[in-house]
Amino acid sequence: MAQQEISHELMMKFQMFEKQIQQLQEQIQAVEQGIVELSSLFLGLDDLKNSDGKEILSPIGKGIFVKSKIISEELVVDIGNQNFVTKTIEDTKQLIDTQVQRLEGIKKELNEALENLGQELEKTMQEYSGEEEGHDCKCHPGEKCDCDDDECDGKECGCGKD
């Protein structure tokens, strides 16, 4: 394979690796953000215990809040597909803990995929460097040969290609 073809192929592989690595890093970051948000919610639920009659700010939209009073420790929880159930604070914390554990598992899988991709990248680099061994053959321009540089003087070639 000509040097130019090898370089083009290698460049394409590196671009593919770069894109895959970037996608995995973005997914890991999104999962980490989800874990942080759920963990914060988990801790915040304890603040609701014994809070009957307290006034709080409740979100009604992006950045918009309304003053409200807590009249019960029962929580209405969206369990998916806009299905709502009433749960206690402890039941809700268990649900959140399960979600955090699931996200931690996904994060672990993504990190493993990123590690495997790094190993693949390293393997590709090693394969390429293996193809690059030798030097430019003086008697066959554009090709590599494994002879000692002093054997390949253009008169008598030790590359064995003649």
N, C-alpha and C. Protein backbone atom coordinates (compact mmCIF):
# COMPACT_ATOMS: atom_id res chain seq x y z
N MET A 1 0.85 -1.18 0.00
CA MET A 1 0.00 0.00 0.00
C MET A 1 0.90 1.24 0.00
N ALA A 2 0.60 2.17 -0.83
CA ALA A 2 1.41 3.38 -0.94
C ALA A 2 1.28 4.21 0.33
N GLN A 3 2.33 4.96 0.62
CA GLN A 3 2.39 5.78 1.83
C GLN A 3 1.21 6.75 1.91
N GLN A 4 0.83 7.34 0.79
CA GLN A 4 -0.26 8.31 0.77
C GLN A 4 -1.58 7.62 1.14
N GLU A 5 -1.80 6.41 0.64
CA GLU A 5 -3.02 5.67 0.96
C GLU A 5 -3.05 5.31 2.44
N ILE A 6 -1.90 4.89 2.97
CA ILE A 6 -1.81 4.54 4.39
C ILE A 6 -2.11 5.77 5.24
N SER A 7 -1.54 6.89 4.90
CA SER A 7 -1.76 8.13 5.66
C SER A 7 -3.23 8.53 5.62
N HIS A 8 -3.86 8.43 4.46
CA HIS A 8 -5.27 8.79 4.32
C HIS A 8 -6.14 7.85 5.16
N GLU A 9 -5.86 6.55 5.07
CA GLU A 9 -6.61 5.57 5.84
C GLU A 9 -6.45 5.81 7.34
N LEU A 10 -5.23 6.09 7.75
CA LEU A 10 -4.97 6.34 9.16
C LEU A 10 -5.68 7.61 9.63
N MET A 11 -5.66 8.65 8.82
CA MET A 11 -6.34 9.89 9.17
C MET A 11 -7.84 9.65 9.34
N MET A 12 -8.42 8.86 8.46
CA MET A 12 -9.85 8.56 8.55
C MET A 12 -10.16 7.78 9.83
N LYS A 13 -9.31 6.81 10.16
CA LYS A 13 -9.50 6.03 11.38
C LYS A 13 -9.41 6.93 12.60
N PHE A 14 -8.41 7.82 12.63
CA PHE A 14 -8.24 8.72 13.78
C PHE A 14 -9.44 9.65 13.92
N GLN A 15 -9.98 10.14 12.81
CA GLN A 15 -11.17 11.00 12.87
C GLN A 15 -12.36 10.23 13.44
N MET A 16 -12.49 8.95 13.04
CA MET A 16 -13.57 8.11 13.55
C MET A 16 -13.39 7.91 15.06
N PHE A 17 -12.16 7.59 15.47
CA PHE A 17 -11.89 7.41 16.90
C PHE A 17 -12.20 8.69 17.67
N GLU A 18 -11.77 9.81 17.15
CA GLU A 18 -11.99 11.10 17.82
C GLU A 18 -13.48 11.36 18.01
N LYS A 19 -14.28 11.10 16.98
CA LYS A 19 -15.72 11.33 17.05
C LYS A 19 -16.36 10.39 18.08
N GLN A 20 -15.97 9.14 18.07
CA GLN A 20 -16.53 8.18 19.03
C GLN A 20 -16.14 8.53 20.46
N ILE A 21 -14.90 8.93 20.66
CA ILE A 21 -14.44 9.33 22.00
C ILE A 21 -15.22 10.53 22.49
N GLN A 22 -15.41 11.51 21.61
CA GLN A 22 -16.15 12.72 21.97
C GLN A 22 -17.60 12.37 22.35
N GLN A 23 -18.24 11.49 21.58
CA GLN A 23 -19.61 11.10 21.88
C GLN A 23 -19.70 10.39 23.22
N LEU A 24 -18.77 9.49 23.49
CA LEU A 24 -18.77 8.78 24.77
C LEU A 24 -18.54 9.74 25.93
N GLN A 25 -17.63 10.70 25.75
CA GLN A 25 -17.38 11.67 26.82
C GLN A 25 -18.62 12.52 27.09
N GLU A 26 -19.34 12.90 26.04
CA GLU A 26 -20.57 13.68 26.21
C GLU A 26 -21.63 12.86 26.94
N GLN A 27 -21.75 11.58 26.60
CA GLN A 27 -22.71 10.71 27.27
C GLN A 27 -22.35 10.53 28.74
N ILE A 28 -21.08 10.35 29.02
CA ILE A 28 -20.63 10.20 30.42
C ILE A 28 -20.95 11.47 31.20
N GLN A 29 -20.71 12.63 30.58
CA GLN A 29 -20.99 13.90 31.25
C GLN A 29 -22.49 14.05 31.54
N ALA A 30 -23.35 13.65 30.60
CA ALA A 30 -24.79 13.73 30.80
C ALA A 30 -25.24 12.81 31.93
N VAL A 31 -24.67 11.61 31.97
CA VAL A 31 -25.00 10.66 33.04
C VAL A 31 -24.54 11.21 34.39
N GLU A 32 -23.34 11.76 34.43
CA GLU A 32 -22.83 12.35 35.69
C GLU A 32 -23.73 13.48 36.16
N GLN A 33 -24.20 14.31 35.23
CA GLN A 33 -25.10 15.41 35.59
C GLN A 33 -26.40 14.86 36.17
N GLY A 34 -26.92 13.80 35.57
CA GLY A 34 -28.13 13.16 36.09
C GLY A 34 -27.92 12.63 37.50
N ILE A 35 -26.77 12.03 37.75
CA ILE A 35 -26.45 11.51 39.08
C ILE A 35 -26.40 12.65 40.10
N VAL A 36 -25.77 13.76 39.72
CA VAL A 36 -25.67 14.91 40.63
C VAL A 36 -27.06 15.45 40.95
N GLU A 37 -27.91 15.59 39.93
CA GLU A 37 -29.26 16.12 40.16
C GLU A 37 -30.09 15.19 41.05
N LEU A 38 -30.01 13.89 40.78
CA LEU A 38 -30.78 12.94 41.60
C LEU A 38 -30.24 12.90 43.03
N SER A 39 -28.94 12.98 43.19
CA SER A 39 -28.35 12.97 44.53
C SER A 39 -28.78 14.20 45.32
N SER A 40 -28.83 15.34 44.65
CA SER A 40 -29.28 16.57 45.29
C SER A 40 -30.75 16.45 45.70
N LEU A 41 -31.56 15.90 44.83
CA LEU A 41 -32.97 15.69 45.14
C LEU A 41 -33.12 14.74 46.32
N PHE A 42 -32.33 13.68 46.33
CA PHE A 42 -32.35 12.69 47.42
C PHE A 42 -32.12 13.39 48.76
N LEU A 43 -31.08 14.23 48.80
CA LEU A 43 -30.77 14.94 50.05
C LEU A 43 -31.84 15.96 50.41
N GLY A 44 -32.41 16.60 49.39
CA GLY A 44 -33.43 17.63 49.63
C GLY A 44 -34.73 17.07 50.19
N LEU A 45 -35.00 15.79 49.94
CA LEU A 45 -36.24 15.20 50.45
C LEU A 45 -36.27 15.17 51.98
N ASP A 46 -35.10 15.06 52.60
CA ASP A 46 -35.05 15.06 54.06
C ASP A 46 -35.54 16.39 54.64
N ASP A 47 -35.37 17.47 53.88
CA ASP A 47 -35.83 18.78 54.33
C ASP A 47 -37.35 18.86 54.42
N LEU A 48 -38.04 17.95 53.73
CA LEU A 48 -39.50 17.96 53.73
C LEU A 48 -40.10 17.28 54.97
N LYS A 49 -39.30 16.47 55.65
CA LYS A 49 -39.81 15.77 56.83
C LYS A 49 -40.19 16.79 57.91
N ASN A 50 -41.34 16.56 58.50
CA ASN A 50 -41.87 17.41 59.58
C ASN A 50 -41.96 18.88 59.14
N SER A 51 -42.37 19.09 57.90
CA SER A 51 -42.46 20.45 57.38
C SER A 51 -43.89 20.91 57.14
N ASP A 52 -44.89 20.19 57.70
CA ASP A 52 -46.28 20.59 57.51
C ASP A 52 -46.47 22.05 57.90
N GLY A 53 -47.11 22.80 57.02
CA GLY A 53 -47.40 24.20 57.27
C GLY A 53 -46.30 25.16 56.86
N LYS A 54 -45.12 24.65 56.52
CA LYS A 54 -44.03 25.54 56.08
C LYS A 54 -44.32 26.08 54.70
N GLU A 55 -43.85 27.31 54.48
CA GLU A 55 -44.00 27.93 53.17
C GLU A 55 -42.73 27.67 52.35
N ILE A 56 -42.92 27.27 51.09
CA ILE A 56 -41.79 27.00 50.20
C ILE A 56 -42.06 27.64 48.84
N LEU A 57 -41.03 27.68 48.00
CA LEU A 57 -41.19 28.09 46.61
C LEU A 57 -41.27 26.83 45.76
N SER A 58 -42.33 26.70 45.00
CA SER A 58 -42.52 25.53 44.14
C SER A 58 -42.37 25.95 42.69
N PRO A 59 -41.58 25.22 41.92
CA PRO A 59 -41.41 25.57 40.51
C PRO A 59 -42.67 25.26 39.70
N ILE A 60 -43.05 26.19 38.83
CA ILE A 60 -44.19 25.94 37.93
C ILE A 60 -43.76 26.01 36.47
N GLY A 61 -42.50 26.31 36.25
CA GLY A 61 -41.95 26.37 34.89
C GLY A 61 -40.49 26.76 34.99
N LYS A 62 -39.85 26.87 33.88
CA LYS A 62 -38.42 27.18 33.86
C LYS A 62 -38.15 28.53 34.50
N GLY A 63 -37.59 28.48 35.71
CA GLY A 63 -37.21 29.70 36.42
C GLY A 63 -38.37 30.47 37.02
N ILE A 64 -39.57 29.87 37.08
CA ILE A 64 -40.75 30.55 37.64
C ILE A 64 -41.24 29.73 38.83
N PHE A 65 -41.43 30.42 39.96
CA PHE A 65 -41.82 29.75 41.20
C PHE A 65 -43.06 30.42 41.78
N VAL A 66 -43.77 29.67 42.60
CA VAL A 66 -44.93 30.19 43.31
C VAL A 66 -44.76 29.82 44.78
N LYS A 67 -45.17 30.73 45.68
CA LYS A 67 -45.14 30.41 47.10
C LYS A 67 -46.26 29.41 47.38
N SER A 68 -45.92 28.39 48.17
CA SER A 68 -46.92 27.38 48.52
C SER A 68 -46.63 26.87 49.92
N LYS A 69 -47.64 26.20 50.51
CA LYS A 69 -47.48 25.63 51.84
C LYS A 69 -47.54 24.12 51.74
N ILE A 70 -46.68 23.49 52.52
CA ILE A 70 -46.66 22.04 52.58
C ILE A 70 -47.80 21.60 53.49
N ILE A 71 -48.69 20.76 52.95
CA ILE A 71 -49.81 20.29 53.76
C ILE A 71 -49.71 18.79 54.04
N SER A 72 -48.72 18.13 53.39
CA SER A 72 -48.57 16.70 53.59
C SER A 72 -47.16 16.27 53.21
N GLU A 73 -46.72 15.16 53.79
CA GLU A 73 -45.43 14.60 53.41
C GLU A 73 -45.56 13.60 52.27
N GLU A 74 -46.77 13.39 51.78
CA GLU A 74 -46.97 12.50 50.64
C GLU A 74 -46.52 13.23 49.37
N LEU A 75 -45.81 12.50 48.53
CA LEU A 75 -45.30 13.08 47.29
C LEU A 75 -46.01 12.44 46.10
N VAL A 76 -46.25 13.23 45.08
CA VAL A 76 -46.81 12.71 43.84
C VAL A 76 -45.65 12.55 42.88
N VAL A 77 -45.39 11.31 42.45
CA VAL A 77 -44.19 10.98 41.68
C VAL A 77 -44.58 10.50 40.29
N ASP A 78 -43.94 11.08 39.28
CA ASP A 78 -44.12 10.63 37.89
C ASP A 78 -43.27 9.37 37.71
N ILE A 79 -43.92 8.25 37.42
CA ILE A 79 -43.19 6.98 37.26
C ILE A 79 -43.00 6.63 35.78
N GLY A 80 -43.27 7.58 34.91
CA GLY A 80 -43.07 7.39 33.47
C GLY A 80 -44.37 7.45 32.71
N ASN A 81 -44.28 7.91 31.48
CA ASN A 81 -45.44 8.04 30.59
C ASN A 81 -46.57 8.83 31.24
N GLN A 82 -46.21 9.83 32.01
CA GLN A 82 -47.14 10.69 32.73
C GLN A 82 -48.08 9.92 33.63
N ASN A 83 -47.58 8.84 34.21
CA ASN A 83 -48.30 8.08 35.23
C ASN A 83 -47.78 8.55 36.58
N PHE A 84 -48.70 8.96 37.45
CA PHE A 84 -48.34 9.51 38.74
C PHE A 84 -48.84 8.61 39.86
N VAL A 85 -48.01 8.45 40.89
CA VAL A 85 -48.40 7.68 42.06
C VAL A 85 -48.03 8.48 43.31
N THR A 86 -48.74 8.20 44.40
CA THR A 86 -48.44 8.85 45.67
C THR A 86 -47.44 7.97 46.41
N LYS A 87 -46.36 8.60 46.89
CA LYS A 87 -45.31 7.87 47.61
C LYS A 87 -44.92 8.65 48.85
N THR A 88 -44.40 7.91 49.81
CA THR A 88 -43.85 8.55 51.00
C THR A 88 -42.46 9.08 50.65
N ILE A 89 -41.91 9.88 51.53
CA ILE A 89 -40.56 10.41 51.31
C ILE A 89 -39.56 9.26 51.23
N GLU A 90 -39.66 8.28 52.13
CA GLU A 90 -38.72 7.15 52.13
C GLU A 90 -38.86 6.31 50.85
N ASP A 91 -40.10 6.07 50.40
CA ASP A 91 -40.30 5.31 49.16
C ASP A 91 -39.71 6.06 47.96
N THR A 92 -39.86 7.37 47.98
CA THR A 92 -39.32 8.19 46.89
C THR A 92 -37.80 8.15 46.91
N LYS A 93 -37.22 8.18 48.11
CA LYS A 93 -35.76 8.11 48.21
C LYS A 93 -35.24 6.77 47.68
N GLN A 94 -35.99 5.70 47.95
CA GLN A 94 -35.60 4.39 47.42
C GLN A 94 -35.66 4.38 45.90
N LEU A 95 -36.69 4.99 45.35
CA LEU A 95 -36.83 5.08 43.89
C LEU A 95 -35.66 5.86 43.29
N ILE A 96 -35.31 6.97 43.92
CA ILE A 96 -34.19 7.79 43.45
C ILE A 96 -32.88 7.01 43.56
N ASP A 97 -32.70 6.29 44.66
CA ASP A 97 -31.49 5.49 44.84
C ASP A 97 -31.37 4.44 43.73
N THR A 98 -32.47 3.82 43.37
CA THR A 98 -32.47 2.83 42.28
C THR A 98 -32.06 3.49 40.97
N GLN A 99 -32.58 4.69 40.73
CA GLN A 99 -32.23 5.41 39.49
C GLN A 99 -30.76 5.79 39.47
N VAL A 100 -30.22 6.21 40.61
CA VAL A 100 -28.81 6.56 40.70
C VAL A 100 -27.95 5.32 40.43
N GLN A 101 -28.33 4.18 41.01
CA GLN A 101 -27.58 2.94 40.78
C GLN A 101 -27.60 2.55 39.30
N ARG A 102 -28.76 2.74 38.66
CA ARG A 102 -28.86 2.43 37.23
C ARG A 102 -27.94 3.35 36.42
N LEU A 103 -27.93 4.63 36.76
CA LEU A 103 -27.04 5.58 36.07
C LEU A 103 -25.57 5.26 36.33
N GLU A 104 -25.24 4.83 37.54
CA GLU A 104 -23.86 4.44 37.85
C GLU A 104 -23.45 3.26 36.98
N GLY A 105 -24.37 2.30 36.76
CA GLY A 105 -24.09 1.16 35.89
C GLY A 105 -23.85 1.60 34.45
N ILE A 106 -24.68 2.53 33.98
CA ILE A 106 -24.51 3.06 32.62
C ILE A 106 -23.18 3.78 32.51
N LYS A 107 -22.84 4.56 33.52
CA LYS A 107 -21.56 5.28 33.52
C LYS A 107 -20.39 4.31 33.45
N LYS A 108 -20.48 3.22 34.21
CA LYS A 108 -19.43 2.21 34.19
C LYS A 108 -19.29 1.60 32.79
N GLU A 109 -20.42 1.28 32.16
CA GLU A 109 -20.40 0.71 30.80
C GLU A 109 -19.78 1.69 29.81
N LEU A 110 -20.14 2.97 29.94
CA LEU A 110 -19.60 3.98 29.03
C LEU A 110 -18.09 4.15 29.24
N ASN A 111 -17.65 4.12 30.49
CA ASN A 111 -16.21 4.23 30.77
C ASN A 111 -15.45 3.02 30.22
N GLU A 112 -16.06 1.83 30.30
CA GLU A 112 -15.45 0.63 29.74
C GLU A 112 -15.36 0.75 28.22
N ALA A 113 -16.42 1.26 27.60
CA ALA A 113 -16.41 1.46 26.15
C ALA A 113 -15.33 2.46 25.75
N LEU A 114 -15.17 3.51 26.55
CA LEU A 114 -14.14 4.51 26.28
C LEU A 114 -12.76 3.89 26.42
N GLU A 115 -12.57 3.06 27.44
CA GLU A 115 -11.29 2.38 27.63
C GLU A 115 -11.00 1.43 26.47
N ASN A 116 -12.01 0.68 26.04
CA ASN A 116 -11.83 -0.23 24.90
C ASN A 116 -11.48 0.53 23.63
N LEU A 117 -12.11 1.67 23.45
CA LEU A 117 -11.82 2.50 22.28
C LEU A 117 -10.38 3.00 22.33
N GLY A 118 -9.93 3.37 23.52
CA GLY A 118 -8.54 3.80 23.69
C GLY A 118 -7.56 2.69 23.34
N GLN A 119 -7.90 1.47 23.76
CA GLN A 119 -7.06 0.32 23.43
C GLN A 119 -7.04 0.05 21.92
N GLU A 120 -8.21 0.20 21.30
CA GLU A 120 -8.29 0.03 19.84
C GLU A 120 -7.44 1.07 19.13
N LEU A 121 -7.50 2.31 19.62
CA LEU A 121 -6.72 3.40 19.05
C LEU A 121 -5.23 3.09 19.19
N GLU A 122 -4.83 2.64 20.37
CA GLU A 122 -3.43 2.30 20.60
C GLU A 122 -2.98 1.16 19.67
N LYS A 123 -3.85 0.18 19.51
CA LYS A 123 -3.54 -0.97 18.63
C LYS A 123 -3.36 -0.47 17.19
N THR A 124 -4.24 0.41 16.75
CA THR A 124 -4.14 0.96 15.40
C THR A 124 -2.84 1.72 15.22
N MET A 125 -2.46 2.49 16.23
CA MET A 125 -1.21 3.25 16.16
C MET A 125 -0.01 2.30 16.09
N GLN A 126 -0.08 1.21 16.86
CA GLN A 126 1.02 0.23 16.83
C GLN A 126 1.10 -0.46 15.47
N GLU A 127 -0.06 -0.79 14.91
CA GLU A 127 -0.07 -1.42 13.58
C GLU A 127 0.53 -0.48 12.54
N TYR A 128 0.16 0.78 12.63
CA TYR A 128 0.68 1.76 11.67
C TYR A 128 2.18 1.94 11.85
N SER A 129 2.62 2.03 13.10
CA SER A 129 4.06 2.21 13.32
C SER A 129 4.83 0.99 12.86
N GLY A 130 4.19 -0.19 12.92
CA GLY A 130 4.82 -1.39 12.41
C GLY A 130 5.00 -1.33 10.91
N GLU A 131 4.01 -0.73 10.22
CA GLU A 131 4.11 -0.58 8.76
C GLU A 131 5.15 0.47 8.40
N GLU A 132 5.43 1.36 9.34
CA GLU A 132 6.34 2.45 9.06
C GLU A 132 7.80 2.07 9.30
N GLU A 133 8.03 0.86 9.83
CA GLU A 133 9.41 0.47 10.08
C GLU A 133 10.17 0.44 8.77
N GLY A 134 11.44 0.67 8.85
CA GLY A 134 12.26 0.73 7.64
C GLY A 134 12.43 2.18 7.24
N HIS A 135 12.95 2.36 6.04
CA HIS A 135 13.19 3.72 5.56
C HIS A 135 12.78 3.77 4.09
N ASP A 136 12.76 4.98 3.56
CA ASP A 136 12.42 5.13 2.14
C ASP A 136 13.50 4.45 1.31
N CYS A 137 13.06 3.57 0.46
CA CYS A 137 13.98 2.82 -0.40
C CYS A 137 14.51 3.76 -1.48
N LYS A 138 15.83 3.83 -1.59
CA LYS A 138 16.44 4.74 -2.56
C LYS A 138 16.31 4.24 -3.99
N CYS A 139 16.21 2.91 -4.14
CA CYS A 139 16.12 2.39 -5.50
C CYS A 139 14.68 2.14 -5.93
N HIS A 140 13.73 2.21 -5.00
CA HIS A 140 12.30 2.06 -5.30
C HIS A 140 11.57 3.22 -4.61
N PRO A 141 11.60 4.42 -5.17
CA PRO A 141 11.02 5.60 -4.53
C PRO A 141 9.54 5.39 -4.14
N GLY A 142 9.20 5.87 -2.95
CA GLY A 142 7.83 5.77 -2.46
C GLY A 142 7.55 4.48 -1.72
N GLU A 143 8.53 3.59 -1.64
CA GLU A 143 8.35 2.32 -0.94
C GLU A 143 9.28 2.27 0.26
N LYS A 144 8.94 1.40 1.20
CA LYS A 144 9.76 1.21 2.39
C LYS A 144 10.57 -0.07 2.21
N CYS A 145 11.76 -0.08 2.80
CA CYS A 145 12.53 -1.31 2.81
C CYS A 145 13.17 -1.47 4.18
N ASP A 146 13.54 -2.72 4.49
CA ASP A 146 14.06 -3.04 5.81
C ASP A 146 15.58 -3.20 5.83
N CYS A 147 16.23 -2.89 4.73
CA CYS A 147 17.68 -3.04 4.71
C CYS A 147 18.32 -1.94 5.54
N ASP A 148 19.58 -2.14 5.90
CA ASP A 148 20.31 -1.09 6.59
C ASP A 148 20.46 0.07 5.62
N ASP A 149 20.35 1.28 6.16
CA ASP A 149 20.40 2.47 5.32
C ASP A 149 21.68 2.52 4.47
N ASP A 150 22.78 2.03 5.01
CA ASP A 150 24.04 2.09 4.26
C ASP A 150 24.08 1.04 3.14
N GLU A 151 23.20 0.01 3.19
CA GLU A 151 23.14 -0.98 2.11
C GLU A 151 22.34 -0.45 0.93
N CYS A 152 21.46 0.48 1.18
CA CYS A 152 20.55 0.97 0.15
C CYS A 152 21.10 2.28 -0.39
N ASP A 153 22.10 2.18 -1.23
CA ASP A 153 22.76 3.38 -1.72
C ASP A 153 22.37 3.73 -3.15
N GLY A 154 21.41 2.99 -3.69
CA GLY A 154 20.98 3.27 -5.06
C GLY A 154 21.77 2.48 -6.08
N LYS A 155 22.91 1.95 -5.72
CA LYS A 155 23.69 1.14 -6.64
C LYS A 155 23.37 -0.32 -6.41
N GLU A 156 23.68 -0.76 -5.19
CA GLU A 156 23.34 -2.13 -4.81
C GLU A 156 22.38 -2.05 -3.66
N CYS A 157 21.18 -2.53 -3.88
CA CYS A 157 20.15 -2.44 -2.86
C CYS A 157 20.07 -3.72 -2.08
N GLY A 158 19.97 -3.58 -0.79
CA GLY A 158 19.82 -4.75 0.08
C GLY A 158 18.37 -4.98 0.46
N CYS A 159 17.44 -4.30 -0.19
CA CYS A 159 16.04 -4.43 0.20
C CYS A 159 15.43 -5.73 -0.32
N GLY A 160 16.08 -6.35 -1.28
CA GLY A 160 15.60 -7.61 -1.80
C GLY A 160 14.45 -7.46 -2.77
N LYS A 161 14.16 -6.26 -3.23
CA LYS A 161 13.05 -6.06 -4.15
C LYS A 161 13.47 -6.21 -5.61
N ASP A 162 14.78 -6.33 -5.85
CA ASP A 162 15.25 -6.50 -7.23
C ASP A 162 15.32 -7.95 -7.58
